[in-house]
Amino acid sequence: MNNNELAVSCKDTKSLTGAYRQIVDRYDVATVDLDVEGAALGDIAAADRRAQAVAAIQKERKASGKPLAVWLTLAADPDGLTSQGQVIVAHTLAGGVELEGVNIMTMDFGASKPAAWSMSRAAESARMPPMDSSPPSTATLERTLAAKPFGASLA
């Protein structure tokens, strides 16, 4: 059994778009959360295919009056989103995806957290900057990524 993320296994953007479309249409979902981890984090070609495919489906859904909210779930360490995660966000935005937000995985920091910190303290340290109730624009997310380290307050 192959447990690779779909964008890693599917090397053709048109086929990947069709596979994602089939899932979105079959279950008539309004939100997807793409969990990108393991080998997929370092696969820039897969990141670009994923972004192009998801952006195409978002555009189609928006035109049909059924918008698709897209979230990413990415690994974090006590300093916030990892550098590989930041690259995935950047490629997702560059590919035209209207990103609703990013969930961070804070379940096991292991040795990357200070020994004196609890897991909850490390997770609090890693949290992303808060967002208001309206989804941020792509430009806002790009500026935040470039100017503010994750885990720092925007206030």
Foldseek 3Di string as FASTA:
>chain_A
DDPDDLLVVDQDLVVSLVVVLCVCVVVVDQEDEAEADDPRLVDLSSLLSVLLSQQVVQVVCVVVVRGYAYEYEAEWWLQAGDPSRLSSLVSNLVSRDFHQYYHYDQPDNDPRDPPPDDSVNSVLQHAAADDPPDGDGSVVVVCCSVPPGGSDYPD
